[in-house]
N, C-alpha and C. Protein backbone atom coordinates (compact mmCIF):
# COMPACT_ATOMS: atom_id res chain seq x y z
N UNK A 1 -5.83 -6.67 -27.42
CA UNK A 1 -5.81 -8.03 -26.93
C UNK A 1 -6.71 -8.12 -25.71
N UNK A 2 -7.39 -9.19 -25.62
CA UNK A 2 -8.25 -9.46 -24.47
C UNK A 2 -7.67 -10.64 -23.70
N UNK A 3 -7.60 -10.50 -22.41
CA UNK A 3 -7.09 -11.56 -21.54
C UNK A 3 -8.19 -11.92 -20.55
N UNK A 4 -8.41 -13.21 -20.37
CA UNK A 4 -9.41 -13.69 -19.42
C UNK A 4 -8.70 -14.33 -18.24
N UNK A 5 -9.07 -13.90 -17.05
CA UNK A 5 -8.51 -14.47 -15.83
C UNK A 5 -9.61 -15.14 -15.03
N UNK A 6 -9.28 -16.23 -14.39
CA UNK A 6 -10.23 -16.86 -13.49
C UNK A 6 -9.76 -16.63 -12.07
N UNK A 7 -10.56 -15.93 -11.30
CA UNK A 7 -10.26 -15.63 -9.90
C UNK A 7 -11.39 -16.22 -9.07
N UNK A 8 -11.06 -17.04 -8.10
CA UNK A 8 -12.11 -17.61 -7.25
C UNK A 8 -12.95 -16.50 -6.61
N UNK A 9 -14.25 -16.73 -6.56
CA UNK A 9 -15.17 -15.72 -6.03
C UNK A 9 -14.77 -15.23 -4.64
N UNK A 10 -14.27 -16.12 -3.81
CA UNK A 10 -13.93 -15.71 -2.45
C UNK A 10 -12.67 -14.84 -2.38
N UNK A 11 -11.95 -14.70 -3.48
CA UNK A 11 -10.75 -13.88 -3.49
C UNK A 11 -10.92 -12.56 -4.24
N UNK A 12 -12.02 -12.37 -4.92
CA UNK A 12 -12.18 -11.16 -5.73
C UNK A 12 -12.11 -9.89 -4.91
N UNK A 13 -12.58 -9.93 -3.68
CA UNK A 13 -12.53 -8.72 -2.86
C UNK A 13 -11.09 -8.31 -2.54
N UNK A 14 -10.16 -9.24 -2.60
CA UNK A 14 -8.75 -8.94 -2.36
C UNK A 14 -8.14 -8.14 -3.50
N UNK A 15 -8.77 -8.19 -4.67
CA UNK A 15 -8.22 -7.54 -5.85
C UNK A 15 -8.88 -6.21 -6.18
N UNK A 16 -10.01 -5.92 -5.59
CA UNK A 16 -10.74 -4.71 -5.98
C UNK A 16 -10.45 -3.55 -5.04
N UNK A 17 -10.61 -2.36 -5.59
CA UNK A 17 -10.49 -1.12 -4.82
C UNK A 17 -11.88 -0.52 -4.74
N UNK A 18 -12.17 0.19 -3.66
CA UNK A 18 -13.49 0.81 -3.53
C UNK A 18 -13.81 1.71 -4.73
N UNK A 19 -15.00 1.54 -5.26
CA UNK A 19 -15.44 2.36 -6.38
C UNK A 19 -14.85 1.98 -7.72
N UNK A 20 -14.16 0.86 -7.78
CA UNK A 20 -13.51 0.45 -9.02
C UNK A 20 -13.86 -1.00 -9.31
N UNK A 21 -14.08 -1.32 -10.56
CA UNK A 21 -14.38 -2.69 -10.93
C UNK A 21 -13.14 -3.57 -10.87
N UNK A 22 -13.39 -4.85 -10.80
CA UNK A 22 -12.31 -5.82 -10.71
C UNK A 22 -11.37 -5.73 -11.91
N UNK A 23 -11.91 -5.68 -13.11
CA UNK A 23 -11.08 -5.65 -14.31
C UNK A 23 -10.16 -4.42 -14.32
N UNK A 24 -10.70 -3.25 -13.95
CA UNK A 24 -9.90 -2.03 -13.95
C UNK A 24 -8.80 -2.11 -12.90
N UNK A 25 -9.12 -2.63 -11.73
CA UNK A 25 -8.12 -2.73 -10.67
C UNK A 25 -6.98 -3.64 -11.08
N UNK A 26 -7.30 -4.79 -11.65
CA UNK A 26 -6.27 -5.74 -12.07
C UNK A 26 -5.42 -5.12 -13.19
N UNK A 27 -6.05 -4.43 -14.14
CA UNK A 27 -5.31 -3.77 -15.22
C UNK A 27 -4.35 -2.73 -14.64
N UNK A 28 -4.84 -1.88 -13.74
CA UNK A 28 -3.99 -0.85 -13.14
C UNK A 28 -2.83 -1.48 -12.37
N UNK A 29 -3.13 -2.52 -11.60
CA UNK A 29 -2.07 -3.18 -10.83
C UNK A 29 -0.97 -3.72 -11.75
N UNK A 30 -1.37 -4.40 -12.80
CA UNK A 30 -0.39 -4.97 -13.73
C UNK A 30 0.39 -3.87 -14.45
N UNK A 31 -0.30 -2.82 -14.88
CA UNK A 31 0.34 -1.73 -15.62
C UNK A 31 1.33 -0.97 -14.73
N UNK A 32 0.93 -0.67 -13.50
CA UNK A 32 1.81 0.06 -12.59
C UNK A 32 3.04 -0.79 -12.26
N UNK A 33 2.86 -2.07 -12.09
CA UNK A 33 4.00 -2.95 -11.81
C UNK A 33 4.95 -2.99 -13.01
N UNK A 34 4.41 -3.02 -14.22
CA UNK A 34 5.26 -3.00 -15.43
C UNK A 34 6.03 -1.68 -15.50
N UNK A 35 5.39 -0.58 -15.11
CA UNK A 35 6.06 0.72 -15.08
C UNK A 35 7.19 0.70 -14.04
N UNK A 36 6.90 0.16 -12.87
CA UNK A 36 7.90 0.07 -11.80
C UNK A 36 9.13 -0.72 -12.24
N UNK A 37 8.89 -1.73 -13.06
CA UNK A 37 9.97 -2.60 -13.54
C UNK A 37 10.62 -2.06 -14.82
N UNK A 38 10.22 -0.85 -15.22
CA UNK A 38 10.76 -0.19 -16.41
C UNK A 38 10.44 -0.92 -17.70
N UNK A 39 9.32 -1.62 -17.72
CA UNK A 39 8.86 -2.27 -18.95
C UNK A 39 7.89 -1.39 -19.71
N UNK A 40 7.34 -0.37 -19.04
CA UNK A 40 6.49 0.64 -19.68
C UNK A 40 7.02 2.01 -19.33
N UNK A 41 6.91 2.93 -20.28
CA UNK A 41 7.24 4.32 -20.00
C UNK A 41 6.01 5.00 -19.41
N UNK A 42 6.19 6.20 -18.92
CA UNK A 42 5.06 6.97 -18.41
C UNK A 42 4.02 7.21 -19.49
N UNK A 43 4.48 7.52 -20.70
CA UNK A 43 3.55 7.76 -21.81
C UNK A 43 2.77 6.50 -22.16
N UNK A 44 3.43 5.37 -22.15
CA UNK A 44 2.75 4.11 -22.43
C UNK A 44 1.75 3.77 -21.34
N UNK A 45 2.11 4.02 -20.10
CA UNK A 45 1.20 3.77 -18.98
C UNK A 45 -0.04 4.65 -19.09
N UNK A 46 0.16 5.92 -19.41
CA UNK A 46 -0.98 6.83 -19.60
C UNK A 46 -1.90 6.32 -20.69
N UNK A 47 -1.31 5.91 -21.82
CA UNK A 47 -2.12 5.42 -22.95
C UNK A 47 -2.88 4.15 -22.57
N UNK A 48 -2.21 3.23 -21.92
CA UNK A 48 -2.83 1.96 -21.54
C UNK A 48 -4.01 2.18 -20.60
N UNK A 49 -3.86 3.13 -19.67
CA UNK A 49 -4.90 3.36 -18.68
C UNK A 49 -5.89 4.45 -19.10
N UNK A 50 -5.67 5.07 -20.26
CA UNK A 50 -6.59 6.09 -20.74
C UNK A 50 -6.59 7.35 -19.89
N UNK A 51 -5.44 7.71 -19.36
CA UNK A 51 -5.33 8.91 -18.54
C UNK A 51 -5.11 10.12 -19.44
N UNK A 52 -5.82 11.20 -19.17
CA UNK A 52 -5.81 12.37 -20.04
C UNK A 52 -4.59 13.26 -19.87
N UNK A 53 -3.96 13.22 -18.70
CA UNK A 53 -2.87 14.16 -18.47
C UNK A 53 -1.75 13.54 -17.64
N UNK A 54 -0.62 14.20 -17.67
CA UNK A 54 0.50 13.78 -16.83
C UNK A 54 0.14 13.93 -15.36
N UNK A 55 -0.66 14.95 -15.04
CA UNK A 55 -1.09 15.14 -13.65
C UNK A 55 -1.91 13.94 -13.15
N UNK A 56 -2.77 13.41 -14.01
CA UNK A 56 -3.55 12.22 -13.63
C UNK A 56 -2.62 11.05 -13.36
N UNK A 57 -1.62 10.89 -14.23
CA UNK A 57 -0.66 9.80 -14.06
C UNK A 57 0.11 9.99 -12.76
N UNK A 58 0.58 11.21 -12.50
CA UNK A 58 1.31 11.47 -11.27
C UNK A 58 0.46 11.16 -10.04
N UNK A 59 -0.82 11.51 -10.09
CA UNK A 59 -1.73 11.22 -8.98
C UNK A 59 -1.89 9.72 -8.76
N UNK A 60 -2.05 8.99 -9.85
CA UNK A 60 -2.17 7.54 -9.75
C UNK A 60 -0.91 6.93 -9.15
N UNK A 61 0.25 7.35 -9.66
CA UNK A 61 1.51 6.80 -9.16
C UNK A 61 1.73 7.16 -7.69
N UNK A 62 1.38 8.38 -7.32
CA UNK A 62 1.53 8.80 -5.92
C UNK A 62 0.62 7.95 -5.02
N UNK A 63 -0.61 7.73 -5.46
CA UNK A 63 -1.54 6.90 -4.68
C UNK A 63 -1.02 5.48 -4.53
N UNK A 64 -0.27 5.02 -5.53
CA UNK A 64 0.30 3.66 -5.49
C UNK A 64 1.69 3.63 -4.86
N UNK A 65 2.13 4.79 -4.36
CA UNK A 65 3.45 4.92 -3.75
C UNK A 65 4.59 4.54 -4.69
N UNK A 66 4.44 4.99 -5.93
CA UNK A 66 5.50 4.83 -6.93
C UNK A 66 6.11 6.21 -7.10
N UNK A 67 7.35 6.38 -6.64
CA UNK A 67 7.99 7.68 -6.65
C UNK A 67 8.85 7.85 -7.88
N UNK A 68 8.97 9.09 -8.32
CA UNK A 68 9.83 9.40 -9.46
C UNK A 68 11.27 9.08 -9.10
N UNK A 69 11.98 8.54 -10.06
CA UNK A 69 13.39 8.26 -9.85
C UNK A 69 14.15 9.50 -10.33
N UNK A 70 14.50 10.34 -9.40
CA UNK A 70 15.16 11.60 -9.69
C UNK A 70 16.44 11.65 -8.87
N UNK A 71 17.56 11.49 -9.54
CA UNK A 71 18.84 11.38 -8.85
C UNK A 71 19.51 12.75 -8.71
N UNK A 72 20.59 12.77 -7.97
CA UNK A 72 21.39 13.98 -7.83
C UNK A 72 21.92 14.40 -9.20
N UNK A 73 22.28 13.43 -10.02
CA UNK A 73 22.76 13.75 -11.38
C UNK A 73 21.66 14.40 -12.20
N UNK A 74 20.42 13.94 -12.04
CA UNK A 74 19.29 14.57 -12.74
C UNK A 74 19.15 16.03 -12.31
N UNK A 75 19.27 16.27 -11.01
CA UNK A 75 19.16 17.63 -10.50
C UNK A 75 20.27 18.52 -11.07
N UNK A 76 21.48 18.00 -11.06
CA UNK A 76 22.60 18.77 -11.59
C UNK A 76 22.42 19.08 -13.08
N UNK A 77 21.94 18.11 -13.82
CA UNK A 77 21.70 18.31 -15.25
C UNK A 77 20.61 19.36 -15.46
N UNK A 78 19.56 19.30 -14.66
CA UNK A 78 18.48 20.29 -14.77
C UNK A 78 18.98 21.68 -14.39
N UNK A 79 19.79 21.78 -13.36
CA UNK A 79 20.33 23.08 -12.96
C UNK A 79 21.21 23.65 -14.07
N UNK A 80 22.01 22.82 -14.69
CA UNK A 80 22.87 23.28 -15.79
C UNK A 80 22.03 23.74 -16.98
N UNK A 81 20.96 23.02 -17.27
CA UNK A 81 20.06 23.44 -18.36
C UNK A 81 19.43 24.77 -18.05
N UNK A 82 18.98 24.96 -16.83
CA UNK A 82 18.38 26.25 -16.43
C UNK A 82 19.40 27.38 -16.54
N UNK A 83 20.63 27.09 -16.13
CA UNK A 83 21.68 28.09 -16.22
C UNK A 83 21.91 28.50 -17.67
N UNK A 84 21.99 27.51 -18.56
CA UNK A 84 22.22 27.80 -19.98
C UNK A 84 21.06 28.59 -20.59
N UNK A 85 19.86 28.34 -20.11
CA UNK A 85 18.70 29.03 -20.63
C UNK A 85 18.48 30.39 -19.96
N UNK A 86 19.28 30.68 -18.94
CA UNK A 86 19.17 31.94 -18.24
C UNK A 86 17.97 32.02 -17.32
N UNK A 87 17.54 30.88 -16.82
CA UNK A 87 16.39 30.85 -15.92
C UNK A 87 16.79 30.94 -14.47
């Protein structure tokens, strides 16, 4: 799908990041916000943005100050899994 947006010329600099085109910046902003709102999974976000690895995605999210939601329950579940696996 192609979406066309009209942004006044005097506001385009507010939407762009250094070294990045306007269209890419707006796409990343919308995609990261959808991820933050749990409307996209990490895998879907990677696919949408054409990122090759989970590390690339993690770097993008870190740069955007989007932190992993990792609760105490997640930690306990991971510890129990490690225990069962003998790790």
